């Protein structure tokens, strides 16, 4: 094992696999952006969908202003993640599902961390029940994780109501911070066997896990990792992800 300057242990990929599998989890919960793949797929999809003309110019200008306010710390993580889903109100859900599939194929799958893909495969083959929890919109998350054997019903993500196939503005869930742990409790997972996350916004669900596995931790989470005496793992490709498209925004570190 390798020790960092913060006296925090850094696992190798093999050590992570051994530790996870030897704990024999029945249920494993994964954050997505920054944990399973590099980049911020929620913000990326929003920008891409605007470029594709899926939202009006006035709406795109509004959400751009809101996102800038988020980066400045004037809008909370909970607010911006909800608003980034609400901008699609009035569109047909099937249109968004198709758009999400295209976006994931082009921009998410190429950024999947191979070590995490292998780990998910080992857990799936061992019969572990896999869940995904993310503040990114449900369309992108569900599309991104379905290839790993995580069905739609085990995806907890930012979502709005759907009425007669049309997207509404009513928020149903925005799992972030304490909301991630709350979402897990609502589905009966008050103490998951294993939880994987990279961000300070994953801390609440890491803390309720029987075994916490910080992956590619942000600076804010790394400080918590040191305080808890946890170890962590960084995928080889994570060091090469451009900060402009991956990791936490400045406001998220405050």
Protein backbone atom coordinates (compact mmCIF):
# COMPACT_ATOMS: atom_id res chain seq x y z
CA UNK A 1 0.00 0.00 0.00
CA UNK A 2 1.08 3.60 -0.65
CA UNK A 3 0.86 6.38 1.94
CA UNK A 4 0.12 9.94 0.84
CA UNK A 5 1.48 13.15 2.37
CA UNK A 6 -1.76 13.30 4.39
CA UNK A 7 -0.92 9.88 5.92
CA UNK A 8 -3.88 8.34 4.15
CA UNK A 9 -3.51 4.89 2.64
CA UNK A 10 -4.01 4.57 -1.10
CA UNK A 11 -5.10 1.17 -2.38
CA UNK A 12 -3.91 -0.44 -5.57
CA UNK A 13 -6.57 -1.81 -7.92
CA UNK A 14 -5.81 -5.36 -6.78
CA UNK A 15 -6.03 -4.37 -3.11
CA UNK A 16 -9.38 -2.72 -3.71
CA UNK A 17 -10.75 -5.83 -5.44
CA UNK A 18 -9.49 -8.08 -2.66
CA UNK A 19 -10.92 -5.90 0.10
CA UNK A 20 -14.30 -5.54 -1.57
CA UNK A 21 -14.73 -9.19 -2.49
CA UNK A 22 -13.44 -10.49 0.84
CA UNK A 23 -16.08 -8.41 2.65
CA UNK A 24 -18.70 -10.51 0.81
CA UNK A 25 -21.24 -7.71 0.28
CA UNK A 26 -24.82 -8.60 -0.51
CA UNK A 27 -25.61 -5.03 -1.58
CA UNK A 28 -23.19 -2.54 -3.15
CA UNK A 29 -24.04 1.11 -3.87
CA UNK A 30 -22.17 3.28 -6.36
CA UNK A 31 -22.07 6.99 -7.06
CA UNK A 32 -21.50 7.55 -10.78
CA UNK A 33 -19.77 10.80 -11.89
CA UNK A 34 -16.16 10.69 -10.76
CA UNK A 35 -16.61 7.21 -9.26
CA UNK A 36 -17.53 4.93 -12.17
CA UNK A 37 -16.49 7.31 -14.92
CA UNK A 38 -14.66 10.59 -15.33
CA UNK A 39 -16.34 13.91 -15.90
CA UNK A 40 -19.62 15.48 -14.82
CA UNK A 41 -22.23 13.78 -16.99
CA UNK A 42 -25.06 15.85 -15.53
CA UNK A 43 -23.59 19.17 -16.58
CA UNK A 44 -22.20 17.64 -19.76
CA UNK A 45 -25.58 16.33 -20.83
CA UNK A 46 -27.21 19.66 -20.04
CA UNK A 47 -24.79 21.56 -22.27
CA UNK A 48 -24.99 18.94 -25.01
CA UNK A 49 -28.79 18.88 -24.96
CA UNK A 50 -28.85 22.67 -25.25
CA UNK A 51 -26.56 22.44 -28.28
CA UNK A 52 -28.94 19.85 -29.74
CA UNK A 53 -31.82 22.30 -29.42
CA UNK A 54 -33.79 20.26 -26.89
CA UNK A 55 -34.54 23.31 -24.74
CA UNK A 56 -35.54 26.84 -25.70
CA UNK A 57 -33.07 29.71 -25.88
CA UNK A 58 -34.69 31.48 -22.94
CA UNK A 59 -34.49 28.34 -20.81
CA UNK A 60 -30.89 27.72 -21.78
CA UNK A 61 -29.95 31.30 -20.90
CA UNK A 62 -31.71 30.93 -17.53
CA UNK A 63 -30.01 27.68 -16.57
CA UNK A 64 -26.64 29.04 -17.69
CA UNK A 65 -27.11 31.97 -15.33
CA UNK A 66 -28.14 29.63 -12.55
CA UNK A 67 -25.14 27.37 -13.12
CA UNK A 68 -22.77 30.33 -12.97
CA UNK A 69 -24.39 31.30 -9.68
CA UNK A 70 -23.84 27.72 -8.46
CA UNK A 71 -20.15 27.93 -9.32
CA UNK A 72 -20.01 31.16 -7.34
CA UNK A 73 -21.57 29.44 -4.34
CA UNK A 74 -24.84 31.37 -4.61
CA UNK A 75 -26.99 28.36 -5.58
CA UNK A 76 -26.87 25.08 -3.67
CA UNK A 77 -26.00 21.67 -5.07
CA UNK A 78 -29.54 20.52 -4.33
CA UNK A 79 -31.08 23.45 -6.21
CA UNK A 80 -28.93 23.24 -9.33
CA UNK A 81 -29.26 19.46 -9.68
CA UNK A 82 -33.04 19.77 -9.49
CA UNK A 83 -33.20 22.66 -11.92
CA UNK A 84 -30.98 20.82 -14.42
CA UNK A 85 -33.76 18.20 -14.67
CA UNK A 86 -36.71 20.61 -14.59
CA UNK A 87 -35.52 22.41 -17.73
CA UNK A 88 -36.87 19.49 -19.80
CA UNK A 89 -40.46 19.97 -18.64
CA UNK A 90 -42.87 19.74 -21.56
CA UNK A 91 -40.73 17.33 -23.60
CA UNK A 92 -41.65 13.70 -24.14
CA UNK A 93 -39.70 11.34 -21.92
CA UNK A 94 -38.90 9.01 -24.80
CA UNK A 95 -37.14 11.90 -26.52
CA UNK A 96 -34.93 12.41 -23.46
CA UNK A 97 -34.23 8.71 -23.09
CA UNK A 98 -33.08 8.55 -26.70
CA UNK A 99 -30.95 11.67 -26.25
CA UNK A 100 -29.41 10.23 -23.08
CA UNK A 101 -28.55 6.99 -24.87
CA UNK A 102 -26.74 8.92 -27.60
CA UNK A 103 -24.92 11.12 -25.10
CA UNK A 104 -23.79 8.17 -22.97
CA UNK A 105 -22.50 6.28 -26.00
CA UNK A 106 -20.49 9.25 -27.21
CA UNK A 107 -19.26 10.87 -24.00
CA UNK A 108 -19.73 8.65 -20.94
CA UNK A 109 -18.71 5.15 -21.97
CA UNK A 110 -15.30 6.31 -23.27
CA UNK A 111 -14.62 7.74 -19.78
CA UNK A 112 -15.55 4.64 -17.75
CA UNK A 113 -12.72 3.68 -15.39
CA UNK A 114 -11.59 0.16 -16.43
CA UNK A 115 -10.78 -0.81 -12.84
CA UNK A 116 -14.31 0.05 -11.72
CA UNK A 117 -15.84 -1.69 -14.72
CA UNK A 118 -13.93 -4.85 -13.77
CA UNK A 119 -14.98 -4.56 -10.13
CA UNK A 120 -18.64 -4.17 -11.08
CA UNK A 121 -18.35 -7.25 -13.26
CA UNK A 122 -16.85 -9.29 -10.42
CA UNK A 123 -19.58 -8.17 -8.04
CA UNK A 124 -22.32 -8.88 -10.56
CA UNK A 125 -20.91 -12.37 -11.23
CA UNK A 126 -20.84 -12.97 -7.47
CA UNK A 127 -24.56 -12.23 -7.28
CA UNK A 128 -24.22 -8.91 -5.45
CA UNK A 129 -27.21 -6.57 -5.69
CA UNK A 130 -25.90 -3.40 -7.35
CA UNK A 131 -27.39 0.10 -6.95
CA UNK A 132 -26.54 3.49 -8.47
CA UNK A 133 -27.16 6.75 -6.59
CA UNK A 134 -26.50 10.08 -8.30
CA UNK A 135 -27.64 13.69 -8.43
CA UNK A 136 -27.32 13.54 -12.23
CA UNK A 137 -30.58 13.11 -14.13
CA UNK A 138 -32.08 9.64 -14.12
CA UNK A 139 -32.08 9.28 -17.92
CA UNK A 140 -28.29 9.54 -18.17
CA UNK A 141 -27.56 7.51 -15.04
CA UNK A 142 -29.87 4.64 -15.99
CA UNK A 143 -28.37 4.50 -19.47
CA UNK A 144 -24.84 4.67 -18.09
CA UNK A 145 -25.17 1.80 -15.62
CA UNK A 146 -27.50 -0.63 -17.36
CA UNK A 147 -24.58 -2.41 -19.04
CA UNK A 148 -23.29 -3.33 -15.58
CA UNK A 149 -26.43 -5.16 -14.57
CA UNK A 150 -28.00 -2.29 -12.64
CA UNK A 151 -31.67 -2.18 -13.69
CA UNK A 152 -33.78 0.99 -13.76
CA UNK A 153 -35.48 0.09 -10.49
CA UNK A 154 -32.11 0.20 -8.70
CA UNK A 155 -31.22 3.66 -9.97
CA UNK A 156 -31.77 6.53 -7.54
CA UNK A 157 -31.14 9.80 -9.36
CA UNK A 158 -32.51 13.27 -9.97
CA UNK A 159 -35.94 12.86 -11.47
CA UNK A 160 -39.21 14.62 -12.12
CA UNK A 161 -42.76 13.38 -12.54
CA UNK A 162 -43.89 11.97 -15.89
CA UNK A 163 -47.54 12.34 -16.96
CA UNK A 164 -48.80 10.57 -20.07
CA UNK A 165 -45.24 10.31 -21.33
CA UNK A 166 -44.57 14.04 -20.88
CA UNK A 167 -41.93 15.39 -18.50
CA UNK A 168 -43.30 17.56 -15.69
CA UNK A 169 -41.54 20.13 -13.49
CA UNK A 170 -42.47 18.42 -10.20
CA UNK A 171 -39.32 17.06 -8.55
CA UNK A 172 -39.55 13.52 -7.18
CA UNK A 173 -36.00 13.10 -5.91
CA UNK A 174 -32.60 14.82 -6.00
CA UNK A 175 -30.16 12.51 -4.22
CA UNK A 176 -27.25 14.60 -2.99
CA UNK A 177 -25.56 15.07 0.39
CA UNK A 178 -27.93 13.79 3.12
CA UNK A 179 -30.44 13.14 0.36
CA UNK A 180 -28.38 10.21 -0.91
CA UNK A 181 -28.63 8.44 2.43
CA UNK A 182 -32.32 9.38 2.66
CA UNK A 183 -33.03 7.95 -0.80
CA UNK A 184 -31.33 4.69 0.19
CA UNK A 185 -33.33 4.49 3.39
CA UNK A 186 -36.57 4.96 1.43
CA UNK A 187 -35.83 1.77 -0.50
CA UNK A 188 -34.92 -0.13 2.64
CA UNK A 189 -31.13 0.27 2.49
CA UNK A 190 -30.34 1.92 5.82
CA UNK A 191 -26.93 0.25 6.09
CA UNK A 192 -25.65 -0.96 2.68
CA UNK A 193 -22.82 -3.47 2.85
CA UNK A 194 -20.53 -1.44 0.55
CA UNK A 195 -20.74 2.14 -0.73
CA UNK A 196 -18.46 3.76 -3.30
CA UNK A 197 -18.23 7.54 -3.81
CA UNK A 198 -15.82 10.29 -4.81
CA UNK A 199 -17.35 13.51 -3.53
CA UNK A 200 -18.19 15.31 -0.32
CA UNK A 201 -21.77 14.97 -1.56
CA UNK A 202 -21.37 11.19 -1.15
CA UNK A 203 -20.26 11.45 2.47
CA UNK A 204 -23.66 10.79 4.04
CA UNK A 205 -24.09 7.49 2.22
CA UNK A 206 -20.46 6.50 2.82
CA UNK A 207 -21.06 7.00 6.53
CA UNK A 208 -24.08 4.67 6.66
CA UNK A 209 -22.21 1.89 4.86
CA UNK A 210 -20.86 -1.16 6.65
CA UNK A 211 -17.78 -0.70 4.45
CA UNK A 212 -16.95 2.66 2.82
CA UNK A 213 -14.82 2.74 -0.31
CA UNK A 214 -13.78 6.28 -1.36
CA UNK A 215 -12.91 6.30 -5.06
CA UNK A 216 -11.01 9.14 -6.74
CA UNK A 217 -11.79 11.43 -3.76
CA UNK A 218 -12.11 15.17 -4.24
CA UNK A 219 -9.99 17.39 -1.96
CA UNK A 220 -12.91 17.96 0.41
CA UNK A 221 -13.65 14.24 0.69
CA UNK A 222 -9.96 13.41 1.07
CA UNK A 223 -9.84 15.52 4.20
CA UNK A 224 -12.73 13.49 5.63
CA UNK A 225 -11.06 10.26 4.55
CA UNK A 226 -8.00 11.25 6.60
CA UNK A 227 -10.11 12.11 9.66
CA UNK A 228 -11.97 8.80 9.49
CA UNK A 229 -8.80 6.80 8.96
CA UNK A 230 -10.20 5.39 5.73
CA UNK A 231 -8.15 4.42 2.70
CA UNK A 232 -9.01 5.22 -0.92
CA UNK A 233 -8.45 4.26 -4.55
CA UNK A 234 -7.72 6.41 -7.61
CA UNK A 235 -8.27 4.86 -11.08
CA UNK A 236 -5.30 5.28 -13.39
CA UNK A 237 -7.29 7.37 -15.88
CA UNK A 238 -8.62 9.75 -13.25
CA UNK A 239 -5.43 11.78 -13.13
CA UNK A 240 -5.87 12.64 -16.81
CA UNK A 241 -9.43 13.95 -16.59
CA UNK A 242 -9.61 17.67 -17.35
CA UNK A 243 -10.93 19.54 -14.33
CA UNK A 244 -13.17 21.55 -16.66
CA UNK A 245 -15.29 18.49 -17.41
CA UNK A 246 -14.82 16.32 -14.37
CA UNK A 247 -14.84 16.29 -10.61
CA UNK A 248 -16.53 18.80 -8.38
CA UNK A 249 -17.22 22.40 -9.25
CA UNK A 250 -15.61 25.02 -7.03
CA UNK A 251 -18.86 25.67 -5.18
CA UNK A 252 -19.11 22.00 -4.31
CA UNK A 253 -15.87 22.19 -2.36
CA UNK A 254 -17.04 24.99 -0.12
